[in-house]
């Protein structure tokens, strides 16, 4: 399976994390600070180099959701991300 499409624990894919960061204008450094994780961990998760612990994934997801991101589960049209309605303006 292509690493860009590899589903990681929690039902999200690395591309969703990268897209979520871009959507809200966060760098890997920003996400590392917001999640309390090392930047290297963020980079490795985004590249699907590791299968992250649930706590790691929860921290990443919580930081991105706090920034206004909604994760869209695979529903036949592909997994994705979007801004929460109250953030999208």
C-alpha atoms as a PDB file:
ATOM      1  CA  UNK A   1       0.000   0.000   0.000  1.00  0.00           C
ATOM      2  CA  UNK A   2       1.235   3.478  -0.843  1.00  0.00           C
ATOM      3  CA  UNK A   3       2.505   5.190   2.338  1.00  0.00           C
ATOM      4  CA  UNK A   4       0.486   8.311   1.473  1.00  0.00           C
ATOM      5  CA  UNK A   5      -2.718   6.258   1.722  1.00  0.00           C
ATOM      6  CA  UNK A   6      -1.739   4.054   4.651  1.00  0.00           C
ATOM      7  CA  UNK A   7      -4.411   4.216   7.334  1.00  0.00           C
ATOM      8  CA  UNK A   8      -2.926   4.735  10.758  1.00  0.00           C
ATOM      9  CA  UNK A   9      -4.569   3.822  14.019  1.00  0.00           C
ATOM     10  CA  UNK A  10      -7.608   5.973  14.650  1.00  0.00           C
ATOM     11  CA  UNK A  11      -8.866   5.833  11.090  1.00  0.00           C
ATOM     12  CA  UNK A  12      -6.951   8.760   9.632  1.00  0.00           C
ATOM     13  CA  UNK A  13      -4.235   8.751   7.010  1.00  0.00           C
ATOM     14  CA  UNK A  14      -0.972  10.699   6.980  1.00  0.00           C
ATOM     15  CA  UNK A  15      -2.209  12.811   4.063  1.00  0.00           C
ATOM     16  CA  UNK A  16      -5.102  14.003   6.231  1.00  0.00           C
ATOM     17  CA  UNK A  17      -2.660  15.267   8.842  1.00  0.00           C
ATOM     18  CA  UNK A  18      -0.603  17.112   6.218  1.00  0.00           C
ATOM     19  CA  UNK A  19      -3.758  18.550   4.629  1.00  0.00           C
ATOM     20  CA  UNK A  20      -5.170  19.568   8.007  1.00  0.00           C
ATOM     21  CA  UNK A  21      -1.976  21.443   8.867  1.00  0.00           C
ATOM     22  CA  UNK A  22      -2.048  23.233   5.530  1.00  0.00           C
ATOM     23  CA  UNK A  23      -5.733  24.092   5.885  1.00  0.00           C
ATOM     24  CA  UNK A  24      -5.161  25.962   9.133  1.00  0.00           C
ATOM     25  CA  UNK A  25      -1.674  27.243   8.271  1.00  0.00           C
ATOM     26  CA  UNK A  26       0.331  25.219  10.779  1.00  0.00           C
ATOM     27  CA  UNK A  27       3.912  24.135  10.250  1.00  0.00           C
ATOM     28  CA  UNK A  28       5.235  20.884  11.670  1.00  0.00           C
ATOM     29  CA  UNK A  29       6.864  23.001  14.391  1.00  0.00           C
ATOM     30  CA  UNK A  30       3.486  24.591  15.191  1.00  0.00           C
ATOM     31  CA  UNK A  31       1.771  21.215  15.382  1.00  0.00           C
ATOM     32  CA  UNK A  32       4.561  19.835  17.534  1.00  0.00           C
ATOM     33  CA  UNK A  33       4.103  22.708  19.985  1.00  0.00           C
ATOM     34  CA  UNK A  34       0.322  22.446  19.982  1.00  0.00           C
ATOM     35  CA  UNK A  35       0.354  18.679  20.476  1.00  0.00           C
ATOM     36  CA  UNK A  36       3.272  18.501  22.911  1.00  0.00           C
ATOM     37  CA  UNK A  37       5.116  16.086  20.634  1.00  0.00           C
ATOM     38  CA  UNK A  38       8.565  16.310  19.053  1.00  0.00           C
ATOM     39  CA  UNK A  39       8.662  17.652  15.509  1.00  0.00           C
ATOM     40  CA  UNK A  40      10.427  14.465  14.400  1.00  0.00           C
ATOM     41  CA  UNK A  41       7.431  12.438  15.569  1.00  0.00           C
ATOM     42  CA  UNK A  42       5.080  14.620  13.532  1.00  0.00           C
ATOM     43  CA  UNK A  43       7.286  14.226  10.460  1.00  0.00           C
ATOM     44  CA  UNK A  44       7.531  10.449  10.846  1.00  0.00           C
ATOM     45  CA  UNK A  45       3.767  10.069  11.289  1.00  0.00           C
ATOM     46  CA  UNK A  46       3.094  12.233   8.218  1.00  0.00           C
ATOM     47  CA  UNK A  47       5.488  10.105   6.156  1.00  0.00           C
ATOM     48  CA  UNK A  48       3.942   6.862   7.488  1.00  0.00           C
ATOM     49  CA  UNK A  49       7.343   5.804   8.787  1.00  0.00           C
ATOM     50  CA  UNK A  50       5.838   4.690  12.088  1.00  0.00           C
ATOM     51  CA  UNK A  51       2.632   3.266  13.442  1.00  0.00           C
ATOM     52  CA  UNK A  52       1.981   5.852  16.136  1.00  0.00           C
ATOM     53  CA  UNK A  53       0.739   5.097  19.614  1.00  0.00           C
ATOM     54  CA  UNK A  54      -2.888   5.928  20.210  1.00  0.00           C
ATOM     55  CA  UNK A  55      -1.828   8.688  22.609  1.00  0.00           C
ATOM     56  CA  UNK A  56       0.351  10.261  19.903  1.00  0.00           C
ATOM     57  CA  UNK A  57      -2.427  10.172  17.359  1.00  0.00           C
ATOM     58  CA  UNK A  58      -4.915  11.526  19.887  1.00  0.00           C
ATOM     59  CA  UNK A  59      -2.591  14.461  20.651  1.00  0.00           C
ATOM     60  CA  UNK A  60      -2.156  15.279  16.958  1.00  0.00           C
ATOM     61  CA  UNK A  61      -5.850  14.984  16.236  1.00  0.00           C
ATOM     62  CA  UNK A  62      -6.844  17.064  19.286  1.00  0.00           C
ATOM     63  CA  UNK A  63      -4.412  19.846  18.342  1.00  0.00           C
ATOM     64  CA  UNK A  64      -5.724  19.982  14.780  1.00  0.00           C
ATOM     65  CA  UNK A  65      -9.350  19.849  15.885  1.00  0.00           C
ATOM     66  CA  UNK A  66      -8.673  22.677  18.363  1.00  0.00           C
ATOM     67  CA  UNK A  67      -7.337  24.683  15.416  1.00  0.00           C
ATOM     68  CA  UNK A  68     -10.655  24.203  13.605  1.00  0.00           C
ATOM     69  CA  UNK A  69     -10.183  21.056  11.539  1.00  0.00           C
ATOM     70  CA  UNK A  70     -12.782  18.316  11.101  1.00  0.00           C
ATOM     71  CA  UNK A  71     -11.617  14.909   9.949  1.00  0.00           C
ATOM     72  CA  UNK A  72     -13.858  13.247   7.377  1.00  0.00           C
ATOM     73  CA  UNK A  73     -13.803   9.466   7.548  1.00  0.00           C
ATOM     74  CA  UNK A  74     -13.574   7.292   4.445  1.00  0.00           C
ATOM     75  CA  UNK A  75     -17.109   7.180   3.062  1.00  0.00           C
ATOM     76  CA  UNK A  76     -16.660   5.904  -0.451  1.00  0.00           C
ATOM     77  CA  UNK A  77     -15.500   9.289  -1.678  1.00  0.00           C
ATOM     78  CA  UNK A  78     -12.211   9.218   0.171  1.00  0.00           C
ATOM     79  CA  UNK A  79     -11.036  10.453   3.533  1.00  0.00           C
ATOM     80  CA  UNK A  80     -10.510  14.168   3.960  1.00  0.00           C
ATOM     81  CA  UNK A  81     -10.445  17.239   6.154  1.00  0.00           C
ATOM     82  CA  UNK A  82     -12.388  20.464   6.280  1.00  0.00           C
ATOM     83  CA  UNK A  83     -12.737  23.556   8.434  1.00  0.00           C
ATOM     84  CA  UNK A  84     -15.440  23.516  11.059  1.00  0.00           C
ATOM     85  CA  UNK A  85     -18.351  25.653  10.008  1.00  0.00           C
ATOM     86  CA  UNK A  86     -17.815  28.112  12.869  1.00  0.00           C
ATOM     87  CA  UNK A  87     -14.188  28.592  11.760  1.00  0.00           C
ATOM     88  CA  UNK A  88     -14.719  28.762   8.003  1.00  0.00           C
ATOM     89  CA  UNK A  89     -16.292  32.192   8.344  1.00  0.00           C
END
